[in-house]
Amino acid sequence: MTLRKVLKKWDIRAGSVGALHLVMLAAVVCTARANPPANIPNAGQTPATKPAANMGAQVQTEDVNALKQLIEQKVAEQSPNAAQTQPNAAQPSAKQASSRPRMLNKPQPIVLNKGAAMMATDAPPGPEGERPSLGLTPPPADQPQPRWSCAKDSIEKPAIWNGKAATYTFTAKNEGEGPLNIEIKGCCGSKISGSKSRTIQPGQTEDIEVTIATSGREGEFTRKIRVQTNDVNNPQVELTCKGRVLAAFKADPKVVNFGTIPRDAGPVTKTVTLTRGDGGPLHPKVAACEGHASAELREIEPGEKYTLDITVSPPWPNDKVRGSVMIETGLEEAPQDSVRYFGAVEARLRAEPRALSLPAGEERPTELRTRLVWAGAPGRALAAVASDPALQAKIVEEDGQQFVVLSVPAGYELPAKKPASVSVTTDDPVADSLRIPISAGAAAREPARPATLMPTGAANKATQSAPATQR
C-alpha cells in the first residue's frame, strides 16, 4: 500500500495544514523503517523487504499499522478536547517530537500532488512539527538558545558641523548556542546600513552601522535604535546614538511660521534674527530662495548679528507656502546653512464637507455629495472620477453651484488597504485639480441637500462631527 493510498483511505486532504503535519510524521516513519539507524534501539526489528527509494515507495504492513497509529494520535492531539480525552502516556514529549527528524539522514521530498510538497530536514522542528523559521520567537527550552550581547550599546560622537553625517557602529555578538535572529528598526533621521533582518551564528559578531542626518539640527541630540531578537532574555534592546551639532549661526525663530494667509492678501514679511554661532565671525549672503519667497539681509553688528527679512508674495498656490532660504555663511567649516519657512493659504478650491463619508451597513444604493467652494472668482469643475471603478462620480450644477455626487452600490465596502477618493479636474490654472477622500463611517441618512458655506474653522468642526450634506 502506498502512502497516497493510506492517506486517501483515512480521508486526509493533502491541501490542509493538518495534512502537512501528518505527512511530516509519515516521512519520519517511512524513512526510519527503510533506513534503521544503528543507534536506535529496536529500530531494525521489523523485517524490511523493499527499501523506500522515495516517499512514494511501498511500505510494509507493520509500517502501515504503525503509521496509522501515529496519524490517529496526531489527529487526536489536534482536536480541541485532546488535552481532556488523550491519556498523558499517549502524548509524545517535546523531546521525543524534536528528536524524530534527526533520524532522517536527508530524505527525498514528499509530494502529494502538484504544488503541495514539503521537505523533511534534519533541523529541529518547531511546535506541532512545523519547520523552523527565521522569526523572533525564542526557540523551545530544550533546544540551543541564542544570547544577545553588545560590548557598547551607547555611543557618543564628538561634535560635528551642521549638514555632515554622524556614523555609529555597534558590534553585536551571539554568546549563545543557537542562531540569533535580529530585526533592526531605525528612528527619524537615521539610516541603517545593510539588511535590517539578520542572523548571527553562535560565537559570531555583526556590525550594526547607523548614520544620523544632521541637516537642520543644532545642539545636543540623542537617537535610539530599537533591535528585536529571539533571545528570550533580551527580546528588545536599544542602541543609543548621542552627539552635538555645531551651527554657523543661531536663528530666532528657527523656523518662520506665516500662519494662515488670506487669498486676497498682498506680500507678507517675517523677520529672523541671525546671531554668530559656534564658529568664527559671520559674513552672510543670501544664496537662494525656494518657493514663493524672497529675502534680504541687514547688518546689525558686523560679524555677530544680522536680521533676515523673508517675504512671501502672490500669486498664491492653492493651499500652502513652504520652502527655505539658503545663506552663505563665510565659514570654511560650514559654508552654507538655511532658514525654513511655512504657511497656509486660503484654498482656491475646497470641498464642503472635505470628505465623502460612507454610511455603515447600508444595504441600499446610496448617493453622497459635497459642494465645491471657490475663493475669489469661481472657476469651473470639468469632471469627477472615483478611484474605485465600483463607484460612479459626476459633477452636478444646482442654483449656480457645483456639487460632486458619488453613487455607491448596495452593500459596498471600502477596500481595507487601498484609500479611495474622487479626483476633480477644473479649468482653473491655480487649482486645476482637487482630491476628495472617501472614508468609512456612519453618515446622516436623510436625503442629500446642498451644503452651507461656513467659515473655515466652523466647516472643519462640522466635518469632524457629522457631514450634514451626505445621506
Protein backbone atom coordinates (compact mmCIF):
# COMPACT_ATOMS: atom_id res chain seq x y z
CA MET A 1 0.00 0.00 0.00
CA THR A 2 1.41 3.38 -0.96
CA LEU A 3 1.48 6.42 1.23
CA ARG A 4 -1.02 8.14 -1.11
CA LYS A 5 -3.49 5.27 -0.63
CA VAL A 6 -3.00 5.29 3.13
CA LEU A 7 -3.85 8.98 3.32
CA LYS A 8 -6.80 8.58 0.96
CA LYS A 9 -8.12 5.66 3.00
CA TRP A 10 -8.35 7.86 6.09
CA ASP A 11 -9.88 10.78 4.12
CA ILE A 12 -6.97 13.16 4.72
CA ARG A 13 -6.88 16.18 2.42
CA ALA A 14 -3.39 16.91 1.18
CA GLY A 15 -4.07 20.63 0.86
CA SER A 16 -4.86 21.23 4.53
CA VAL A 17 -2.34 22.44 7.08
CA GLY A 18 -3.10 19.49 9.34
CA ALA A 19 -2.37 17.08 6.49
CA LEU A 20 1.09 18.57 6.04
CA HIS A 21 1.81 17.87 9.70
CA LEU A 22 0.67 14.27 9.20
CA VAL A 23 2.78 13.90 6.07
CA MET A 24 5.79 15.03 8.08
CA LEU A 25 5.16 12.18 10.51
CA ALA A 26 4.69 9.79 7.63
CA ALA A 27 8.05 10.81 6.19
CA VAL A 28 9.72 10.17 9.53
CA VAL A 29 8.24 6.71 9.93
CA CYS A 30 8.81 5.61 6.32
CA THR A 31 12.41 6.71 6.21
CA ALA A 32 13.20 5.34 9.67
CA ARG A 33 11.76 1.95 8.66
CA ALA A 34 13.64 1.90 5.37
CA ASN A 35 16.96 3.02 6.91
CA PRO A 36 17.03 1.90 10.58
CA PRO A 37 19.88 3.70 12.38
CA ALA A 38 22.22 1.54 14.37
CA ASN A 39 21.94 3.71 17.44
CA ILE A 40 18.14 3.47 17.76
CA PRO A 41 17.01 0.57 19.96
CA ASN A 42 14.68 -1.92 18.25
CA ALA A 43 14.88 0.08 15.03
CA GLY A 44 15.57 -2.99 12.92
CA GLN A 45 13.16 -5.48 14.42
CA THR A 46 10.57 -5.01 11.69
CA PRO A 47 11.59 -7.06 8.65
CA ALA A 48 12.15 -4.89 5.57
CA THR A 49 11.67 -6.32 2.14
CA LYS A 50 11.99 -3.30 -0.13
CA PRO A 51 13.87 -0.12 0.98
CA ALA A 52 11.98 3.10 0.28
CA ALA A 53 13.70 4.81 -2.65
CA ASN A 54 11.40 7.80 -2.26
CA MET A 55 8.36 8.83 -0.27
CA GLY A 56 6.01 7.15 -2.73
CA ALA A 57 7.62 3.70 -2.18
CA GLN A 58 5.70 0.76 -0.75
CA VAL A 59 5.62 0.30 2.98
CA GLN A 60 5.31 -2.96 4.91
CA THR A 61 2.04 -3.88 6.57
CA GLU A 62 3.54 -3.35 10.01
CA ASP A 63 4.75 0.06 8.86
CA VAL A 64 1.25 0.99 7.71
CA ASN A 65 -0.23 -0.05 11.05
CA ALA A 66 2.39 1.94 12.93
CA LEU A 67 1.83 4.89 10.61
CA LYS A 68 -1.94 4.68 11.14
CA GLN A 69 -1.46 4.71 14.92
CA LEU A 70 0.78 7.76 14.69
CA ILE A 71 -1.62 9.64 12.41
CA GLU A 72 -4.64 8.81 14.57
CA GLN A 73 -2.70 10.01 17.60
CA LYS A 74 -1.76 13.19 15.76
CA VAL A 75 -5.39 13.84 14.79
CA ALA A 76 -6.42 13.34 18.42
CA GLU A 77 -3.77 15.85 19.53
CA GLN A 78 -5.11 18.44 17.08
CA SER A 79 -8.66 18.04 18.44
CA PRO A 80 -9.81 20.91 20.74
CA ASN A 81 -10.55 18.36 23.51
CA ALA A 82 -7.30 16.46 23.08
CA ALA A 83 -6.00 17.55 26.44
CA GLN A 84 -9.07 16.06 28.17
CA THR A 85 -9.56 12.85 26.16
CA GLN A 86 -5.97 11.82 25.45
CA PRO A 87 -4.14 9.91 28.20
CA ASN A 88 -0.89 11.57 29.22
CA ALA A 89 1.09 8.47 28.36
CA ALA A 90 -0.08 8.62 24.74
CA GLN A 91 1.22 12.17 24.14
CA PRO A 92 4.82 12.32 22.96
CA SER A 93 7.04 14.68 24.90
CA ALA A 94 8.62 17.75 23.31
CA LYS A 95 11.98 15.98 23.46
CA GLN A 96 10.64 12.98 21.56
CA ALA A 97 8.95 15.14 18.93
CA SER A 98 12.08 17.18 18.34
CA SER A 99 14.30 14.08 18.07
CA ARG A 100 12.40 12.41 15.21
CA PRO A 101 13.79 14.39 12.28
CA ARG A 102 17.36 13.66 13.41
CA MET A 103 16.76 10.03 12.35
CA LEU A 104 16.16 11.00 8.76
CA ASN A 105 19.57 11.45 7.12
CA LYS A 106 18.19 13.88 4.49
CA PRO A 107 15.34 12.01 2.74
CA GLN A 108 13.72 12.99 -0.55
CA PRO A 109 10.76 15.41 -0.71
CA ILE A 110 7.24 14.14 -0.07
CA VAL A 111 4.96 15.14 -2.96
CA LEU A 112 1.24 14.51 -2.58
CA ASN A 113 0.13 16.45 -5.64
CA LYS A 114 1.26 19.29 -7.84
CA GLY A 115 2.01 22.36 -5.78
CA ALA A 116 1.76 20.54 -2.42
CA ALA A 117 5.22 19.49 -1.27
CA MET A 118 7.14 19.51 1.99
CA MET A 119 10.79 18.76 2.56
CA ALA A 120 11.76 16.92 5.74
CA THR A 121 15.10 18.16 7.10
CA ASP A 122 17.34 17.27 9.99
CA ALA A 123 16.74 20.69 11.58
CA PRO A 124 14.85 20.67 14.90
CA PRO A 125 11.14 21.25 14.23
CA GLY A 126 9.07 23.92 15.90
CA PRO A 127 5.74 23.42 17.68
CA GLU A 128 3.40 20.85 16.16
CA GLY A 129 6.25 19.51 13.98
CA GLU A 130 6.41 22.66 11.83
CA ARG A 131 9.62 23.56 10.08
CA PRO A 132 11.65 26.24 11.88
CA SER A 133 11.54 29.79 10.50
CA LEU A 134 13.80 32.79 10.88
CA GLY A 135 11.44 34.60 13.22
CA LEU A 136 11.75 36.41 16.52
CA THR A 137 10.07 33.72 18.62
CA PRO A 138 12.59 32.21 21.06
CA PRO A 139 13.37 28.51 20.45
CA PRO A 140 11.86 25.88 22.79
CA ALA A 141 13.59 25.49 26.14
CA ASP A 142 15.06 22.06 25.22
CA GLN A 143 16.85 23.49 22.16
CA PRO A 144 20.08 25.55 21.92
CA GLN A 145 19.42 29.15 22.97
CA PRO A 146 20.81 32.36 21.42
CA ARG A 147 22.09 35.15 23.63
CA TRP A 148 22.38 38.81 22.61
CA SER A 149 25.45 40.74 23.69
CA CYS A 150 26.73 44.18 22.72
CA ALA A 151 30.01 45.47 24.10
CA LYS A 152 28.84 49.10 23.89
CA ASP A 153 25.14 49.88 23.43
CA SER A 154 25.55 53.66 23.80
CA ILE A 155 27.99 55.71 21.71
CA GLU A 156 28.63 59.45 21.90
CA LYS A 157 30.40 61.14 18.99
CA PRO A 158 32.50 64.32 19.06
CA ALA A 159 30.75 67.49 17.89
CA ILE A 160 30.21 67.80 14.14
CA TRP A 161 29.08 70.65 11.92
CA ASN A 162 25.54 71.02 10.66
CA GLY A 163 24.98 69.12 7.41
CA LYS A 164 27.61 66.44 7.99
CA ALA A 165 26.51 62.89 8.76
CA ALA A 166 27.32 61.16 12.04
CA THR A 167 28.03 57.42 11.73
CA TYR A 168 27.81 54.96 14.64
CA THR A 169 28.95 51.30 14.61
CA PHE A 170 27.62 48.87 17.22
CA THR A 171 29.10 45.37 17.40
CA ALA A 172 26.58 42.71 18.41
CA LYS A 173 27.66 39.19 19.39
CA ASN A 174 25.81 35.91 19.82
CA GLU A 175 27.15 34.37 23.02
CA GLY A 176 24.59 31.59 22.99
CA GLU A 177 24.46 28.17 21.36
CA GLY A 178 21.62 28.75 18.90
CA PRO A 179 21.26 31.16 15.94
CA LEU A 180 20.40 34.73 16.99
CA ASN A 181 17.82 36.44 14.75
CA ILE A 182 17.60 40.23 14.93
CA GLU A 183 15.30 42.86 13.42
CA ILE A 184 16.66 46.45 13.41
CA LYS A 185 14.23 49.38 13.49
CA GLY A 186 15.61 52.85 12.85
CA CYS A 187 14.30 56.21 14.09
CA CYS A 188 13.55 59.57 12.48
CA GLY A 189 16.59 60.90 10.61
CA SER A 190 18.52 57.62 10.80
CA LYS A 191 19.71 55.20 8.14
CA ILE A 192 20.66 51.55 8.74
CA SER A 193 23.40 50.16 6.51
CA GLY A 194 22.69 46.73 5.04
CA SER A 195 19.77 44.45 5.80
CA LYS A 196 17.52 45.17 8.78
CA SER A 197 16.85 41.43 9.29
CA ARG A 198 19.94 39.39 10.15
CA THR A 199 21.04 36.11 11.70
CA ILE A 200 24.15 35.86 13.89
CA GLN A 201 25.55 32.37 14.33
CA PRO A 202 26.81 31.21 17.76
CA GLY A 203 30.12 32.84 18.66
CA GLN A 204 29.94 35.26 15.71
CA THR A 205 29.66 39.07 15.66
CA GLU A 206 27.73 41.50 13.47
CA ASP A 207 28.33 45.23 12.97
CA ILE A 208 25.25 47.44 13.01
CA GLU A 209 26.07 50.73 11.29
CA VAL A 210 23.75 53.70 11.86
CA THR A 211 24.01 57.08 10.13
CA ILE A 212 22.28 60.12 11.64
CA ALA A 213 21.47 63.11 9.42
CA THR A 214 22.30 66.50 10.97
CA SER A 215 20.88 68.94 8.40
CA GLY A 216 18.67 71.49 10.13
CA ARG A 217 19.83 70.42 13.59
CA GLU A 218 21.86 72.23 16.22
CA GLY A 219 22.92 71.46 19.75
CA GLU A 220 22.87 68.10 21.51
CA PHE A 221 20.82 65.16 20.25
CA THR A 222 20.01 61.58 21.26
CA ARG A 223 18.60 58.96 18.90
CA LYS A 224 17.62 55.41 19.86
CA ILE A 225 17.71 52.41 17.51
CA ARG A 226 15.45 49.51 18.54
CA VAL A 227 16.57 45.91 17.97
CA GLN A 228 14.20 42.96 18.40
CA THR A 229 15.71 39.49 18.90
CA ASN A 230 14.76 35.86 19.51
CA ASP A 231 16.75 35.86 22.76
CA VAL A 232 14.23 35.04 25.47
CA ASN A 233 16.12 37.24 27.97
CA ASN A 234 16.61 40.17 25.57
CA PRO A 235 13.55 40.31 23.29
CA GLN A 236 14.07 44.04 22.68
CA VAL A 237 17.17 46.16 23.19
CA GLU A 238 18.08 49.76 22.39
CA LEU A 239 21.22 51.19 20.82
CA THR A 240 21.77 54.86 21.70
CA CYS A 241 23.41 57.43 19.42
CA LYS A 242 24.48 60.70 21.07
CA GLY A 243 26.16 63.77 19.67
CA ARG A 244 26.26 67.53 19.28
CA VAL A 245 25.73 69.56 16.13
CA LEU A 246 27.62 72.80 15.60
CA ALA A 247 25.96 75.63 13.66
CA ALA A 248 27.40 78.66 11.87
CA PHE A 249 24.59 80.86 13.20
CA LYS A 250 21.64 80.73 15.57
CA ALA A 251 18.29 81.69 14.03
CA ASP A 252 15.47 83.19 16.10
CA PRO A 253 12.92 81.86 15.34
CA LYS A 254 14.43 78.64 14.00
CA VAL A 255 11.50 78.16 11.62
CA VAL A 256 9.35 81.01 10.29
CA ASN A 257 5.58 80.47 10.51
CA PHE A 258 3.45 82.75 8.32
CA GLY A 259 0.21 81.37 9.77
CA THR A 260 -2.89 81.45 7.54
CA ILE A 261 -2.70 83.91 4.65
CA PRO A 262 -5.96 85.22 3.13
CA ARG A 263 -6.29 84.50 -0.54
CA ASP A 264 -6.61 88.20 -1.41
CA ALA A 265 -3.62 89.25 0.72
CA GLY A 266 -0.59 91.06 -0.68
CA PRO A 267 3.08 90.32 0.21
CA VAL A 268 3.69 89.19 3.82
CA THR A 269 7.07 89.67 5.57
CA LYS A 270 8.55 87.98 8.65
CA THR A 271 11.91 88.86 10.25
CA VAL A 272 14.51 86.43 11.62
CA THR A 273 17.49 87.36 13.78
CA LEU A 274 20.79 85.63 12.92
CA THR A 275 23.48 85.53 15.62
CA ARG A 276 27.03 84.19 15.36
CA GLY A 277 27.10 80.51 16.25
CA ASP A 278 29.86 78.01 17.06
CA GLY A 279 32.39 79.26 14.51
CA GLY A 280 34.15 82.48 13.62
CA PRO A 281 32.65 85.83 12.58
CA LEU A 282 29.79 85.70 10.07
CA HIS A 283 29.94 87.10 6.54
CA PRO A 284 26.44 86.11 5.41
CA LYS A 285 24.89 86.41 1.94
CA VAL A 286 21.53 85.23 0.59
CA ALA A 287 22.38 82.40 -1.82
CA ALA A 288 18.92 81.21 -2.94
CA CYS A 289 15.21 81.25 -2.05
CA GLU A 290 12.79 78.38 -2.55
CA GLY A 291 9.10 78.62 -3.29
CA HIS A 292 7.29 81.97 -3.26
CA ALA A 293 9.86 83.72 -1.06
CA SER A 294 12.39 86.50 -1.41
CA ALA A 295 14.88 87.53 1.30
CA GLU A 296 17.04 90.47 2.36
CA LEU A 297 19.87 90.64 4.96
CA ARG A 298 20.53 93.67 7.16
CA GLU A 299 23.66 94.06 9.29
CA ILE A 300 23.15 94.89 12.99
CA GLU A 301 26.62 94.11 14.39
CA PRO A 302 29.39 93.20 11.89
CA GLY A 303 30.29 89.52 12.07
CA GLU A 304 27.98 88.93 15.05
CA LYS A 305 24.35 89.81 14.41
CA TYR A 306 22.08 90.26 11.38
CA THR A 307 18.38 90.35 10.53
CA LEU A 308 16.86 88.38 7.68
CA ASP A 309 13.58 89.60 6.14
CA ILE A 310 11.67 86.79 4.40
CA THR A 311 8.76 87.85 2.18
CA VAL A 312 6.17 85.59 0.54
CA SER A 313 4.09 87.11 -2.29
CA PRO A 314 1.18 86.26 -4.61
CA PRO A 315 0.15 84.67 -6.88
CA TRP A 316 -0.65 82.23 -4.10
CA PRO A 317 -0.65 78.47 -4.57
CA ASN A 318 -3.82 76.53 -3.86
CA ASP A 319 -3.23 75.64 -0.20
CA LYS A 320 0.21 76.36 1.36
CA VAL A 321 3.61 78.03 1.07
CA ARG A 322 6.74 76.19 2.15
CA GLY A 323 10.45 76.38 1.46
CA SER A 324 13.79 77.65 2.76
CA VAL A 325 16.25 80.50 2.32
CA MET A 326 19.84 79.38 1.75
CA ILE A 327 22.53 81.51 3.42
CA GLU A 328 26.25 81.57 2.59
CA THR A 329 27.95 81.93 5.98
CA GLY A 330 31.53 82.78 5.07
CA LEU A 331 32.80 79.97 7.35
CA GLU A 332 35.01 77.22 5.95
CA GLU A 333 33.67 74.60 8.38
CA ALA A 334 30.04 75.24 7.38
CA PRO A 335 29.89 77.27 4.17
CA GLN A 336 26.08 77.14 3.89
CA ASP A 337 23.07 76.93 6.18
CA SER A 338 19.37 77.59 5.75
CA VAL A 339 16.29 79.09 7.39
CA ARG A 340 12.99 77.28 6.74
CA TYR A 341 9.52 78.82 6.45
CA PHE A 342 5.95 77.61 6.02
CA GLY A 343 2.39 78.89 6.00
CA ALA A 344 -1.17 78.06 5.00
CA VAL A 345 -3.03 79.85 2.23
CA GLU A 346 -6.79 80.00 2.00
CA ALA A 347 -7.59 77.34 -0.57
CA ARG A 348 -8.56 78.47 -4.04
CA LEU A 349 -10.83 75.42 -4.26
CA ARG A 350 -12.13 73.21 -1.48
CA ALA A 351 -14.95 70.76 -0.85
CA GLU A 352 -17.55 71.15 1.90
CA PRO A 353 -17.58 68.69 3.54
CA ARG A 354 -13.95 67.88 2.84
CA ALA A 355 -14.55 64.09 2.65
CA LEU A 356 -17.29 61.77 1.44
CA SER A 357 -18.27 59.51 4.34
CA LEU A 358 -19.89 56.15 3.55
CA PRO A 359 -22.79 55.08 5.78
CA ALA A 360 -22.07 51.99 7.86
CA GLY A 361 -24.02 48.84 6.91
CA GLU A 362 -26.05 50.48 4.14
CA GLU A 363 -27.91 47.79 2.19
CA ARG A 364 -29.44 50.12 -0.39
CA PRO A 365 -27.81 52.14 -3.15
CA THR A 366 -26.58 55.43 -1.68
CA GLU A 367 -25.83 58.85 -3.12
CA LEU A 368 -23.32 61.14 -1.39
CA ARG A 369 -22.50 64.71 -2.31
CA THR A 370 -20.16 67.55 -1.42
CA ARG A 371 -20.16 71.17 -2.56
CA LEU A 372 -17.26 72.82 -4.42
CA VAL A 373 -16.36 76.19 -2.91
CA TRP A 374 -14.12 78.73 -4.68
CA ALA A 375 -12.21 81.61 -3.09
CA GLY A 376 -12.49 84.66 -5.34
CA ALA A 377 -13.95 84.45 -8.83
CA PRO A 378 -15.36 80.94 -9.28
CA GLY A 379 -13.78 78.52 -11.72
CA ARG A 380 -15.49 75.56 -13.28
CA ALA A 381 -15.19 71.85 -12.48
CA LEU A 382 -14.98 69.78 -15.65
CA ALA A 383 -15.12 66.15 -14.49
CA ALA A 384 -15.09 63.87 -11.44
CA VAL A 385 -13.67 60.34 -11.38
CA ALA A 386 -13.71 57.83 -8.49
CA SER A 387 -10.54 55.80 -7.87
CA ASP A 388 -12.64 52.64 -7.36
CA PRO A 389 -14.42 51.52 -10.58
CA ALA A 390 -17.30 50.21 -8.45
CA LEU A 391 -18.19 53.81 -7.60
CA GLN A 392 -19.54 56.42 -10.00
CA ALA A 393 -18.79 60.15 -9.61
CA LYS A 394 -20.16 63.13 -11.54
CA ILE A 395 -20.45 66.91 -11.43
CA VAL A 396 -23.97 68.33 -10.84
CA GLU A 397 -24.97 72.01 -11.04
CA GLU A 398 -27.76 73.40 -8.86
CA ASP A 399 -28.66 77.09 -8.38
CA GLY A 400 -25.37 78.26 -9.87
CA GLN A 401 -23.25 75.99 -7.62
CA GLN A 402 -21.41 72.79 -8.42
CA PHE A 403 -21.56 69.56 -6.44
CA VAL A 404 -19.64 66.30 -6.66
CA VAL A 405 -22.13 63.42 -6.48
CA LEU A 406 -20.93 59.91 -5.68
CA SER A 407 -23.16 56.89 -6.38
CA VAL A 408 -22.46 53.92 -4.08
CA PRO A 409 -23.94 50.47 -4.88
CA ALA A 410 -25.78 48.46 -2.24
CA GLY A 411 -23.56 46.61 0.21
CA TYR A 412 -20.38 48.39 -0.92
CA GLU A 413 -17.39 48.27 1.44
CA LEU A 414 -14.18 50.27 1.13
CA PRO A 415 -11.03 48.27 0.33
CA ALA A 416 -9.13 47.60 3.54
CA LYS A 417 -5.67 48.73 2.45
CA LYS A 418 -6.36 50.95 -0.55
CA PRO A 419 -7.54 54.52 0.12
CA ALA A 420 -10.40 55.62 -2.12
CA SER A 421 -11.02 59.12 -3.40
CA VAL A 422 -12.69 61.24 -6.06
CA SER A 423 -10.47 63.34 -8.38
CA VAL A 424 -11.96 66.56 -9.72
CA THR A 425 -10.43 68.40 -12.69
CA THR A 426 -11.10 72.10 -13.33
CA ASP A 427 -10.33 74.87 -15.80
CA ASP A 428 -8.54 76.97 -13.15
CA PRO A 429 -4.75 77.48 -13.61
CA VAL A 430 -4.11 77.67 -9.84
CA ALA A 431 -6.37 74.80 -8.70
CA ASP A 432 -6.54 72.56 -11.75
CA SER A 433 -7.43 69.50 -9.65
CA LEU A 434 -8.83 68.54 -6.26
CA ARG A 435 -8.74 65.20 -4.47
CA ILE A 436 -11.70 64.40 -2.19
CA PRO A 437 -11.12 61.45 0.20
CA ILE A 438 -13.74 58.72 0.66
CA SER A 439 -13.92 57.50 4.24
CA ALA A 440 -15.89 54.81 6.07
CA GLY A 441 -18.20 55.86 8.86
CA ALA A 442 -21.77 56.48 9.94
CA ALA A 443 -23.20 59.37 7.95
CA ALA A 444 -26.60 61.01 8.04
CA ARG A 445 -29.23 59.04 6.10
CA GLU A 446 -31.58 61.90 5.18
CA PRO A 447 -31.86 62.97 1.52
CA ALA A 448 -28.87 64.90 0.26
CA ARG A 449 -29.06 68.67 0.30
CA PRO A 450 -26.61 71.43 -0.63
CA ALA A 451 -24.03 72.41 1.98
CA THR A 452 -23.98 75.87 3.54
CA LEU A 453 -20.83 77.92 3.11
CA MET A 454 -19.24 78.45 6.53
CA PRO A 455 -16.00 80.00 7.82
CA THR A 456 -13.04 77.63 7.57
CA GLY A 457 -12.95 76.84 11.31
CA ALA A 458 -16.69 76.14 11.50
CA ALA A 459 -16.54 74.00 8.38
CA ASN A 460 -13.74 71.90 9.84
CA LYS A 461 -15.66 71.40 13.07
CA ALA A 462 -18.80 70.36 11.23
CA THR A 463 -16.85 67.94 9.05
CA GLN A 464 -15.32 66.22 12.06
CA SER A 465 -18.73 65.57 13.63
CA ALA A 466 -21.28 64.50 11.01
CA PRO A 467 -21.44 65.98 7.49
CA ALA A 468 -24.95 67.31 7.02
CA THR A 469 -24.78 67.18 3.23
CA GLN A 470 -24.43 63.41 2.99
CA ARG A 471 -27.08 60.78 3.16
